[in-house]
Amino acid sequence: MHPLVFILLTIIGVLFVFGVVRASISADRERIENELWKQGIRMESCRYAPFGPGMWSVWSGRKYAVVFVDADHRRWQGTIATSLWNPAQVIIAKKTPPSP
């Protein structure tokens, strides 16, 4: 096989894997937002955090650091785990102090 064909196939493979991971993270954010919305909670931000709290206690799924506001307008920070097969579940959440 010609070396350029090998390089081209490698690049295509890397781009494919990157696209699948990106689509998965996008779907996770949507799933988390929908689960919170069902409970009357509004999500402010969500970022991928694989090494956050719950890394050793919850093995399945991907972890996200999420900032959300509950129905009483209190702001919370939390870590949420989700996967393709399981609904989003809050691992840990704590109320953020009010900003000065």
PDB file of N, CA and C in Angstrom:
ATOM      1  N   MET A   1       0.851  -1.176   0.000  1.00  0.00           N
ATOM      2  CA  MET A   1       0.000   0.000   0.000  1.00  0.00           C
ATOM      3  C   MET A   1       0.896   1.238   0.000  1.00  0.00           C
ATOM      4  N   HIS A   2       0.504   2.184  -0.769  1.00  0.00           N
ATOM      5  CA  HIS A   2       1.258   3.429  -0.885  1.00  0.00           C
ATOM      6  C   HIS A   2       1.176   4.202   0.436  1.00  0.00           C
ATOM      7  N   PRO A   3       2.276   4.827   0.889  1.00  0.00           N
ATOM      8  CA  PRO A   3       2.264   5.548   2.170  1.00  0.00           C
ATOM      9  C   PRO A   3       1.226   6.674   2.227  1.00  0.00           C
ATOM     10  N   LEU A   4       0.960   7.323   1.102  1.00  0.00           N
ATOM     11  CA  LEU A   4      -0.026   8.403   1.114  1.00  0.00           C
ATOM     12  C   LEU A   4      -1.437   7.880   1.380  1.00  0.00           C
ATOM     13  N   VAL A   5      -1.728   6.687   0.901  1.00  0.00           N
ATOM     14  CA  VAL A   5      -3.036   6.082   1.163  1.00  0.00           C
ATOM     15  C   VAL A   5      -3.180   5.803   2.659  1.00  0.00           C
ATOM     16  N   PHE A   6      -2.118   5.289   3.271  1.00  0.00           N
ATOM     17  CA  PHE A   6      -2.133   5.022   4.707  1.00  0.00           C
ATOM     18  C   PHE A   6      -2.351   6.317   5.490  1.00  0.00           C
ATOM     19  N   ILE A   7      -1.655   7.373   5.121  1.00  0.00           N
ATOM     20  CA  ILE A   7      -1.792   8.665   5.805  1.00  0.00           C
ATOM     21  C   ILE A   7      -3.210   9.208   5.629  1.00  0.00           C
ATOM     22  N   LEU A   8      -3.734   9.110   4.414  1.00  0.00           N
ATOM     23  CA  LEU A   8      -5.086   9.589   4.144  1.00  0.00           C
ATOM     24  C   LEU A   8      -6.121   8.811   4.959  1.00  0.00           C
ATOM     25  N   LEU A   9      -5.994   7.498   5.025  1.00  0.00           N
ATOM     26  CA  LEU A   9      -6.923   6.688   5.815  1.00  0.00           C
ATOM     27  C   LEU A   9      -6.824   7.004   7.308  1.00  0.00           C
ATOM     28  N   THR A  10      -5.621   7.274   7.782  1.00  0.00           N
ATOM     29  CA  THR A  10      -5.424   7.646   9.184  1.00  0.00           C
ATOM     30  C   THR A  10      -6.119   8.968   9.486  1.00  0.00           C
ATOM     31  N   ILE A  11      -5.957   9.940   8.611  1.00  0.00           N
ATOM     32  CA  ILE A  11      -6.595  11.246   8.807  1.00  0.00           C
ATOM     33  C   ILE A  11      -8.116  11.106   8.796  1.00  0.00           C
ATOM     34  N   ILE A  12      -8.642  10.331   7.863  1.00  0.00           N
ATOM     35  CA  ILE A  12     -10.089  10.116   7.797  1.00  0.00           C
ATOM     36  C   ILE A  12     -10.583   9.432   9.073  1.00  0.00           C
ATOM     37  N   GLY A  13      -9.846   8.455   9.571  1.00  0.00           N
ATOM     38  CA  GLY A  13     -10.224   7.768  10.803  1.00  0.00           C
ATOM     39  C   GLY A  13     -10.240   8.692  12.006  1.00  0.00           C
ATOM     40  N   VAL A  14      -9.215   9.536  12.125  1.00  0.00           N
ATOM     41  CA  VAL A  14      -9.143  10.480  13.244  1.00  0.00           C
ATOM     42  C   VAL A  14     -10.305  11.468  13.173  1.00  0.00           C
ATOM     43  N   LEU A  15     -10.592  11.987  11.985  1.00  0.00           N
ATOM     44  CA  LEU A  15     -11.702  12.928  11.832  1.00  0.00           C
ATOM     45  C   LEU A  15     -13.045  12.266  12.146  1.00  0.00           C
ATOM     46  N   PHE A  16     -13.198  11.013  11.767  1.00  0.00           N
ATOM     47  CA  PHE A  16     -14.429  10.282  12.068  1.00  0.00           C
ATOM     48  C   PHE A  16     -14.617  10.128  13.578  1.00  0.00           C
ATOM     49  N   VAL A  17     -13.565   9.713  14.270  1.00  0.00           N
ATOM     50  CA  VAL A  17     -13.641   9.541  15.726  1.00  0.00           C
ATOM     51  C   VAL A  17     -13.936  10.881  16.396  1.00  0.00           C
ATOM     52  N   PHE A  18     -13.275  11.945  15.954  1.00  0.00           N
ATOM     53  CA  PHE A  18     -13.516  13.274  16.511  1.00  0.00           C
ATOM     54  C   PHE A  18     -14.977  13.681  16.316  1.00  0.00           C
ATOM     55  N   GLY A  19     -15.532  13.414  15.150  1.00  0.00           N
ATOM     56  CA  GLY A  19     -16.932  13.747  14.878  1.00  0.00           C
ATOM     57  C   GLY A  19     -17.896  12.971  15.754  1.00  0.00           C
ATOM     58  N   VAL A  20     -17.618  11.695  15.974  1.00  0.00           N
ATOM     59  CA  VAL A  20     -18.484  10.871  16.826  1.00  0.00           C
ATOM     60  C   VAL A  20     -18.451  11.374  18.267  1.00  0.00           C
ATOM     61  N   VAL A  21     -17.262  11.695  18.774  1.00  0.00           N
ATOM     62  CA  VAL A  21     -17.137  12.199  20.147  1.00  0.00           C
ATOM     63  C   VAL A  21     -17.857  13.534  20.285  1.00  0.00           C
ATOM     64  N   ARG A  22     -17.684  14.406  19.313  1.00  0.00           N
ATOM     65  CA  ARG A  22     -18.326  15.723  19.360  1.00  0.00           C
ATOM     66  C   ARG A  22     -19.851  15.584  19.331  1.00  0.00           C
ATOM     67  N   ALA A  23     -20.371  14.711  18.494  1.00  0.00           N
ATOM     68  CA  ALA A  23     -21.817  14.488  18.429  1.00  0.00           C
ATOM     69  C   ALA A  23     -22.334  13.888  19.735  1.00  0.00           C
ATOM     70  N   SER A  24     -21.551  13.012  20.344  1.00  0.00           N
ATOM     71  CA  SER A  24     -21.940  12.387  21.601  1.00  0.00           C
ATOM     72  C   SER A  24     -22.043  13.424  22.715  1.00  0.00           C
ATOM     73  N   ILE A  25     -21.065  14.324  22.800  1.00  0.00           N
ATOM     74  CA  ILE A  25     -21.075  15.365  23.829  1.00  0.00           C
ATOM     75  C   ILE A  25     -22.249  16.310  23.608  1.00  0.00           C
ATOM     76  N   SER A  26     -22.529  16.641  22.367  1.00  0.00           N
ATOM     77  CA  SER A  26     -23.666  17.509  22.057  1.00  0.00           C
ATOM     78  C   SER A  26     -24.976  16.847  22.474  1.00  0.00           C
ATOM     79  N   ALA A  27     -25.116  15.568  22.202  1.00  0.00           N
ATOM     80  CA  ALA A  27     -26.326  14.837  22.596  1.00  0.00           C
ATOM     81  C   ALA A  27     -26.438  14.747  24.117  1.00  0.00           C
ATOM     82  N   ASP A  28     -25.307  14.595  24.807  1.00  0.00           N
ATOM     83  CA  ASP A  28     -25.320  14.549  26.269  1.00  0.00           C
ATOM     84  C   ASP A  28     -25.817  15.867  26.851  1.00  0.00           C
ATOM     85  N   ARG A  29     -25.328  16.978  26.316  1.00  0.00           N
ATOM     86  CA  ARG A  29     -25.769  18.283  26.825  1.00  0.00           C
ATOM     87  C   ARG A  29     -27.271  18.454  26.653  1.00  0.00           C
ATOM     88  N   GLU A  30     -27.774  18.022  25.522  1.00  0.00           N
ATOM     89  CA  GLU A  30     -29.213  18.103  25.271  1.00  0.00           C
ATOM     90  C   GLU A  30     -29.978  17.209  26.248  1.00  0.00           C
ATOM     91  N   ARG A  31     -29.475  16.019  26.493  1.00  0.00           N
ATOM     92  CA  ARG A  31     -30.112  15.082  27.423  1.00  0.00           C
ATOM     93  C   ARG A  31     -30.119  15.653  28.844  1.00  0.00           C
ATOM     94  N   ILE A  32     -29.007  16.246  29.263  1.00  0.00           N
ATOM     95  CA  ILE A  32     -28.925  16.840  30.598  1.00  0.00           C
ATOM     96  C   ILE A  32     -29.912  17.996  30.719  1.00  0.00           C
ATOM     97  N   GLU A  33     -29.933  18.867  29.709  1.00  0.00           N
ATOM     98  CA  GLU A  33     -30.844  20.010  29.751  1.00  0.00           C
ATOM     99  C   GLU A  33     -32.304  19.549  29.808  1.00  0.00           C
ATOM    100  N   ASN A  34     -32.656  18.518  29.061  1.00  0.00           N
ATOM    101  CA  ASN A  34     -34.027  17.997  29.080  1.00  0.00           C
ATOM    102  C   ASN A  34     -34.389  17.401  30.435  1.00  0.00           C
ATOM    103  N   GLU A  35     -33.461  16.653  31.041  1.00  0.00           N
ATOM    104  CA  GLU A  35     -33.731  16.060  32.355  1.00  0.00           C
ATOM    105  C   GLU A  35     -33.924  17.149  33.415  1.00  0.00           C
ATOM    106  N   LEU A  36     -33.099  18.193  33.372  1.00  0.00           N
ATOM    107  CA  LEU A  36     -33.243  19.284  34.334  1.00  0.00           C
ATOM    108  C   LEU A  36     -34.536  20.050  34.087  1.00  0.00           C
ATOM    109  N   TRP A  37     -34.869  20.274  32.823  1.00  0.00           N
ATOM    110  CA  TRP A  37     -36.080  21.021  32.472  1.00  0.00           C
ATOM    111  C   TRP A  37     -37.328  20.308  32.989  1.00  0.00           C
ATOM    112  N   LYS A  38     -37.335  18.972  32.947  1.00  0.00           N
ATOM    113  CA  LYS A  38     -38.473  18.199  33.453  1.00  0.00           C
ATOM    114  C   LYS A  38     -38.695  18.445  34.939  1.00  0.00           C
ATOM    115  N   GLN A  39     -37.619  18.779  35.662  1.00  0.00           N
ATOM    116  CA  GLN A  39     -37.699  19.015  37.101  1.00  0.00           C
ATOM    117  C   GLN A  39     -37.880  20.496  37.426  1.00  0.00           C
ATOM    118  N   GLY A  40     -38.068  21.330  36.408  1.00  0.00           N
ATOM    119  CA  GLY A  40     -38.264  22.761  36.625  1.00  0.00           C
ATOM    120  C   GLY A  40     -36.973  23.508  36.897  1.00  0.00           C
ATOM    121  N   ILE A  41     -35.876  22.981  36.386  1.00  0.00           N
ATOM    122  CA  ILE A  41     -34.558  23.580  36.610  1.00  0.00           C
ATOM    123  C   ILE A  41     -34.013  24.074  35.275  1.00  0.00           C
ATOM    124  N   ARG A  42     -33.426  25.274  35.293  1.00  0.00           N
ATOM    125  CA  ARG A  42     -32.865  25.852  34.073  1.00  0.00           C
ATOM    126  C   ARG A  42     -31.343  25.717  34.101  1.00  0.00           C
ATOM    127  N   MET A  43     -30.783  25.170  33.046  1.00  0.00           N
ATOM    128  CA  MET A  43     -29.336  24.993  32.949  1.00  0.00           C
ATOM    129  C   MET A  43     -28.693  26.269  32.415  1.00  0.00           C
ATOM    130  N   GLU A  44     -27.629  26.735  33.089  1.00  0.00           N
ATOM    131  CA  GLU A  44     -26.899  27.913  32.627  1.00  0.00           C
ATOM    132  C   GLU A  44     -25.679  27.528  31.809  1.00  0.00           C
ATOM    133  N   SER A  45     -24.941  26.542  32.276  1.00  0.00           N
ATOM    134  CA  SER A  45     -23.757  26.110  31.526  1.00  0.00           C
ATOM    135  C   SER A  45     -23.503  24.630  31.778  1.00  0.00           C
ATOM    136  N   CYS A  46     -22.807  24.035  30.832  1.00  0.00           N
ATOM    137  CA  CYS A  46     -22.501  22.613  30.915  1.00  0.00           C
ATOM    138  C   CYS A  46     -21.189  22.380  30.180  1.00  0.00           C
ATOM    139  N   ARG A  47     -20.195  21.825  30.886  1.00  0.00           N
ATOM    140  CA  ARG A  47     -18.925  21.533  30.219  1.00  0.00           C
ATOM    141  C   ARG A  47     -18.450  20.139  30.619  1.00  0.00           C
ATOM    142  N   TYR A  48     -17.793  19.503  29.689  1.00  0.00           N
ATOM    143  CA  TYR A  48     -17.279  18.150  29.897  1.00  0.00           C
ATOM    144  C   TYR A  48     -16.197  18.181  30.971  1.00  0.00           C
ATOM    145  N   ALA A  49     -16.316  17.335  31.984  1.00  0.00           N
ATOM    146  CA  ALA A  49     -15.371  17.314  33.103  1.00  0.00           C
ATOM    147  C   ALA A  49     -15.094  15.866  33.513  1.00  0.00           C
ATOM    148  N   PRO A  50     -14.268  15.155  32.755  1.00  0.00           N
ATOM    149  CA  PRO A  50     -14.054  13.735  33.050  1.00  0.00           C
ATOM    150  C   PRO A  50     -13.349  13.470  34.375  1.00  0.00           C
ATOM    151  N   PHE A  51     -12.607  14.444  34.901  1.00  0.00           N
ATOM    152  CA  PHE A  51     -11.847  14.215  36.127  1.00  0.00           C
ATOM    153  C   PHE A  51     -12.435  14.960  37.316  1.00  0.00           C
ATOM    154  N   GLY A  52     -13.717  15.312  37.247  1.00  0.00           N
ATOM    155  CA  GLY A  52     -14.370  16.037  38.331  1.00  0.00           C
ATOM    156  C   GLY A  52     -14.821  15.115  39.449  1.00  0.00           C
ATOM    157  N   PRO A  53     -15.591  15.669  40.397  1.00  0.00           N
ATOM    158  CA  PRO A  53     -16.131  14.849  41.483  1.00  0.00           C
ATOM    159  C   PRO A  53     -16.970  13.707  40.926  1.00  0.00           C
ATOM    160  N   GLY A  54     -16.923  12.586  41.579  1.00  0.00           N
ATOM    161  CA  GLY A  54     -17.670  11.421  41.124  1.00  0.00           C
ATOM    162  C   GLY A  54     -16.886  10.547  40.166  1.00  0.00           C
ATOM    163  N   MET A  55     -15.637  10.922  39.908  1.00  0.00           N
ATOM    164  CA  MET A  55     -14.822  10.152  38.970  1.00  0.00           C
ATOM    165  C   MET A  55     -14.651   8.709  39.450  1.00  0.00           C
ATOM    166  N   TRP A  56     -14.494   8.518  40.753  1.00  0.00           N
ATOM    167  CA  TRP A  56     -14.251   7.182  41.282  1.00  0.00           C
ATOM    168  C   TRP A  56     -15.525   6.495  41.739  1.00  0.00           C
ATOM    169  N   SER A  57     -16.607   7.258  41.988  1.00  0.00           N
ATOM    170  CA  SER A  57     -17.828   6.638  42.508  1.00  0.00           C
ATOM    171  C   SER A  57     -18.809   6.223  41.413  1.00  0.00           C
ATOM    172  N   VAL A  58     -18.821   6.926  40.296  1.00  0.00           N
ATOM    173  CA  VAL A  58     -19.740   6.609  39.203  1.00  0.00           C
ATOM    174  C   VAL A  58     -18.902   6.285  37.979  1.00  0.00           C
ATOM    175  N   TRP A  59     -18.862   5.019  37.620  1.00  0.00           N
ATOM    176  CA  TRP A  59     -17.971   4.598  36.537  1.00  0.00           C
ATOM    177  C   TRP A  59     -18.600   4.719  35.166  1.00  0.00           C
ATOM    178  N   SER A  60     -19.901   4.504  35.087  1.00  0.00           N
ATOM    179  CA  SER A  60     -20.516   4.505  33.762  1.00  0.00           C
ATOM    180  C   SER A  60     -20.902   5.919  33.353  1.00  0.00           C
ATOM    181  N   GLY A  61     -20.715   6.226  32.121  1.00  0.00           N
ATOM    182  CA  GLY A  61     -21.143   7.512  31.595  1.00  0.00           C
ATOM    183  C   GLY A  61     -20.066   8.571  31.633  1.00  0.00           C
ATOM    184  N   ARG A  62     -20.408   9.682  31.031  1.00  0.00           N
ATOM    185  CA  ARG A  62     -19.503  10.827  30.981  1.00  0.00           C
ATOM    186  C   ARG A  62     -19.941  11.843  32.025  1.00  0.00           C
ATOM    187  N   LYS A  63     -18.984  12.558  32.606  1.00  0.00           N
ATOM    188  CA  LYS A  63     -19.274  13.526  33.658  1.00  0.00           C
ATOM    189  C   LYS A  63     -19.209  14.944  33.097  1.00  0.00           C
ATOM    190  N   TYR A  64     -20.123  15.795  33.593  1.00  0.00           N
ATOM    191  CA  TYR A  64     -20.202  17.181  33.164  1.00  0.00           C
ATOM    192  C   TYR A  64     -20.320  18.081  34.384  1.00  0.00           C
ATOM    193  N   ALA A  65     -19.606  19.207  34.368  1.00  0.00           N
ATOM    194  CA  ALA A  65     -19.763  20.241  35.383  1.00  0.00           C
ATOM    195  C   ALA A  65     -20.878  21.155  34.892  1.00  0.00           C
ATOM    196  N   VAL A  66     -21.927  21.292  35.697  1.00  0.00           N
ATOM    197  CA  VAL A  66     -23.122  22.015  35.275  1.00  0.00           C
ATOM    198  C   VAL A  66     -23.450  23.102  36.289  1.00  0.00           C
ATOM    199  N   VAL A  67     -23.841  24.261  35.788  1.00  0.00           N
ATOM    200  CA  VAL A  67     -24.370  25.335  36.624  1.00  0.00           C
ATOM    201  C   VAL A  67     -25.843  25.465  36.257  1.00  0.00           C
ATOM    202  N   PHE A  68     -26.717  25.414  37.274  1.00  0.00           N
ATOM    203  CA  PHE A  68     -28.146  25.486  36.999  1.00  0.00           C
ATOM    204  C   PHE A  68     -28.856  26.295  38.068  1.00  0.00           C
ATOM    205  N   VAL A  69     -30.067  26.749  37.735  1.00  0.00           N
ATOM    206  CA  VAL A  69     -30.884  27.568  38.628  1.00  0.00           C
ATOM    207  C   VAL A  69     -32.186  26.821  38.887  1.00  0.00           C
ATOM    208  N   ASP A  70     -32.533  26.668  40.178  1.00  0.00           N
ATOM    209  CA  ASP A  70     -33.761  25.943  40.507  1.00  0.00           C
ATOM    210  C   ASP A  70     -34.978  26.872  40.450  1.00  0.00           C
ATOM    211  N   ALA A  71     -36.137  26.335  40.805  1.00  0.00           N
ATOM    212  CA  ALA A  71     -37.389  27.096  40.715  1.00  0.00           C
ATOM    213  C   ALA A  71     -37.426  28.283  41.675  1.00  0.00           C
ATOM    214  N   ASP A  72     -36.645  28.224  42.755  1.00  0.00           N
ATOM    215  CA  ASP A  72     -36.584  29.322  43.730  1.00  0.00           C
ATOM    216  C   ASP A  72     -35.500  30.334  43.385  1.00  0.00           C
ATOM    217  N   HIS A  73     -34.969  30.256  42.189  1.00  0.00           N
ATOM    218  CA  HIS A  73     -33.932  31.162  41.670  1.00  0.00           C
ATOM    219  C   HIS A  73     -32.619  31.069  42.447  1.00  0.00           C
ATOM    220  N   ARG A  74     -32.338  29.896  43.003  1.00  0.00           N
ATOM    221  CA  ARG A  74     -31.043  29.663  43.646  1.00  0.00           C
ATOM    222  C   ARG A  74     -30.117  29.040  42.617  1.00  0.00           C
ATOM    223  N   ARG A  75     -28.885  29.477  42.625  1.00  0.00           N
ATOM    224  CA  ARG A  75     -27.896  28.992  41.656  1.00  0.00           C
ATOM    225  C   ARG A  75     -27.105  27.844  42.282  1.00  0.00           C
ATOM    226  N   TRP A  76     -26.936  26.777  41.515  1.00  0.00           N
ATOM    227  CA  TRP A  76     -26.235  25.584  41.981  1.00  0.00           C
ATOM    228  C   TRP A  76     -25.138  25.215  41.006  1.00  0.00           C
ATOM    229  N   GLN A  77     -24.085  24.607  41.541  1.00  0.00           N
ATOM    230  CA  GLN A  77     -23.047  23.976  40.725  1.00  0.00           C
ATOM    231  C   GLN A  77     -23.112  22.494  41.026  1.00  0.00           C
ATOM    232  N   GLY A  78     -22.985  21.703  39.993  1.00  0.00           N
ATOM    233  CA  GLY A  78     -23.063  20.273  40.229  1.00  0.00           C
ATOM    234  C   GLY A  78     -22.297  19.482  39.201  1.00  0.00           C
ATOM    235  N   THR A  79     -22.159  18.210  39.489  1.00  0.00           N
ATOM    236  CA  THR A  79     -21.560  17.276  38.547  1.00  0.00           C
ATOM    237  C   THR A  79     -22.643  16.280  38.176  1.00  0.00           C
ATOM    238  N   ILE A  80     -22.827  16.092  36.887  1.00  0.00           N
ATOM    239  CA  ILE A  80     -23.870  15.210  36.383  1.00  0.00           C
ATOM    240  C   ILE A  80     -23.235  14.160  35.489  1.00  0.00           C
ATOM    241  N   ALA A  81     -23.676  12.922  35.641  1.00  0.00           N
ATOM    242  CA  ALA A  81     -23.192  11.834  34.790  1.00  0.00           C
ATOM    243  C   ALA A  81     -24.322  11.401  33.869  1.00  0.00           C
ATOM    244  N   THR A  82     -23.982  11.103  32.645  1.00  0.00           N
ATOM    245  CA  THR A  82     -24.967  10.599  31.697  1.00  0.00           C
ATOM    246  C   THR A  82     -24.271   9.708  30.684  1.00  0.00           C
ATOM    247  N   SER A  83     -25.048   8.869  30.059  1.00  0.00           N
ATOM    248  CA  SER A  83     -24.528   8.039  28.980  1.00  0.00           C
ATOM    249  C   SER A  83     -25.652   7.820  27.984  1.00  0.00           C
ATOM    250  N   LEU A  84     -25.349   7.142  26.927  1.00  0.00           N
ATOM    251  CA  LEU A  84     -26.345   6.911  25.892  1.00  0.00           C
ATOM    252  C   LEU A  84     -27.517   6.093  26.415  1.00  0.00           C
ATOM    253  N   TRP A  85     -27.260   5.180  27.346  1.00  0.00           N
ATOM    254  CA  TRP A  85     -28.289   4.252  27.809  1.00  0.00           C
ATOM    255  C   TRP A  85     -28.948   4.671  29.111  1.00  0.00           C
ATOM    256  N   ASN A  86     -28.356   5.597  29.854  1.00  0.00           N
ATOM    257  CA  ASN A  86     -28.891   5.990  31.157  1.00  0.00           C
ATOM    258  C   ASN A  86     -29.292   7.456  31.148  1.00  0.00           C
ATOM    259  N   PRO A  87     -30.351   7.812  31.893  1.00  0.00           N
ATOM    260  CA  PRO A  87     -30.701   9.230  31.998  1.00  0.00           C
ATOM    261  C   PRO A  87     -29.658   9.968  32.834  1.00  0.00           C
ATOM    262  N   ALA A  88     -29.680  11.275  32.740  1.00  0.00           N
ATOM    263  CA  ALA A  88     -28.731  12.090  33.495  1.00  0.00           C
ATOM    264  C   ALA A  88     -29.022  11.961  34.984  1.00  0.00           C
ATOM    265  N   GLN A  89     -27.977  11.817  35.789  1.00  0.00           N
ATOM    266  CA  GLN A  89     -28.149  11.754  37.236  1.00  0.00           C
ATOM    267  C   GLN A  89     -27.144  12.688  37.896  1.00  0.00           C
ATOM    268  N   VAL A  90     -27.619  13.412  38.901  1.00  0.00           N
ATOM    269  CA  VAL A  90     -26.761  14.342  39.627  1.00  0.00           C
ATOM    270  C   VAL A  90     -25.891  13.539  40.578  1.00  0.00           C
ATOM    271  N   ILE A  91     -24.574  13.730  40.474  1.00  0.00           N
ATOM    272  CA  ILE A  91     -23.643  13.055  41.378  1.00  0.00           C
ATOM    273  C   ILE A  91     -23.473  13.889  42.639  1.00  0.00           C
ATOM    274  N   ILE A  92     -23.216  15.172  42.455  1.00  0.00           N
ATOM    275  CA  ILE A  92     -23.000  16.075  43.580  1.00  0.00           C
ATOM    276  C   ILE A  92     -23.456  17.463  43.158  1.00  0.00           C
ATOM    277  N   ALA A  93     -24.079  18.183  44.071  1.00  0.00           N
ATOM    278  CA  ALA A  93     -24.517  19.552  43.778  1.00  0.00           C
ATOM    279  C   ALA A  93     -24.346  20.390  45.031  1.00  0.00           C
ATOM    280  N   LYS A  94     -23.924  21.627  44.867  1.00  0.00           N
ATOM    281  CA  LYS A  94     -23.796  22.536  46.004  1.00  0.00           C
ATOM    282  C   LYS A  94     -24.230  23.926  45.570  1.00  0.00           C
ATOM    283  N   LYS A  95     -24.820  24.646  46.513  1.00  0.00           N
ATOM    284  CA  LYS A  95     -25.302  25.983  46.220  1.00  0.00           C
ATOM    285  C   LYS A  95     -24.110  26.924  46.121  1.00  0.00           C
ATOM    286  N   THR A  96     -24.111  27.772  45.116  1.00  0.00           N
ATOM    287  CA  THR A  96     -23.020  28.732  44.963  1.00  0.00           C
ATOM    288  C   THR A  96     -23.325  29.958  45.806  1.00  0.00           C
ATOM    289  N   PRO A  97     -22.286  30.567  46.381  1.00  0.00           N
ATOM    290  CA  PRO A  97     -22.523  31.772  47.179  1.00  0.00           C
ATOM    291  C   PRO A  97     -22.975  32.917  46.275  1.00  0.00           C
ATOM    292  N   PRO A  98     -23.804  33.808  46.804  1.00  0.00           N
ATOM    293  CA  PRO A  98     -24.251  34.931  45.978  1.00  0.00           C
ATOM    294  C   PRO A  98     -23.081  35.823  45.595  1.00  0.00           C
ATOM    295  N   SER A  99     -23.131  36.330  44.389  1.00  0.00           N
ATOM    296  CA  SER A  99     -22.041  37.203  43.934  1.00  0.00           C
ATOM    297  C   SER A  99     -22.204  38.587  44.552  1.00  0.00           C
ATOM    298  N   PRO A 100     -21.081  39.234  44.909  1.00  0.00           N
ATOM    299  CA  PRO A 100     -21.161  40.547  45.583  1.00  0.00           C
ATOM    300  C   PRO A 100     -21.619  41.650  44.657  1.00  0.00           C
TER     301      PRO A 100
END
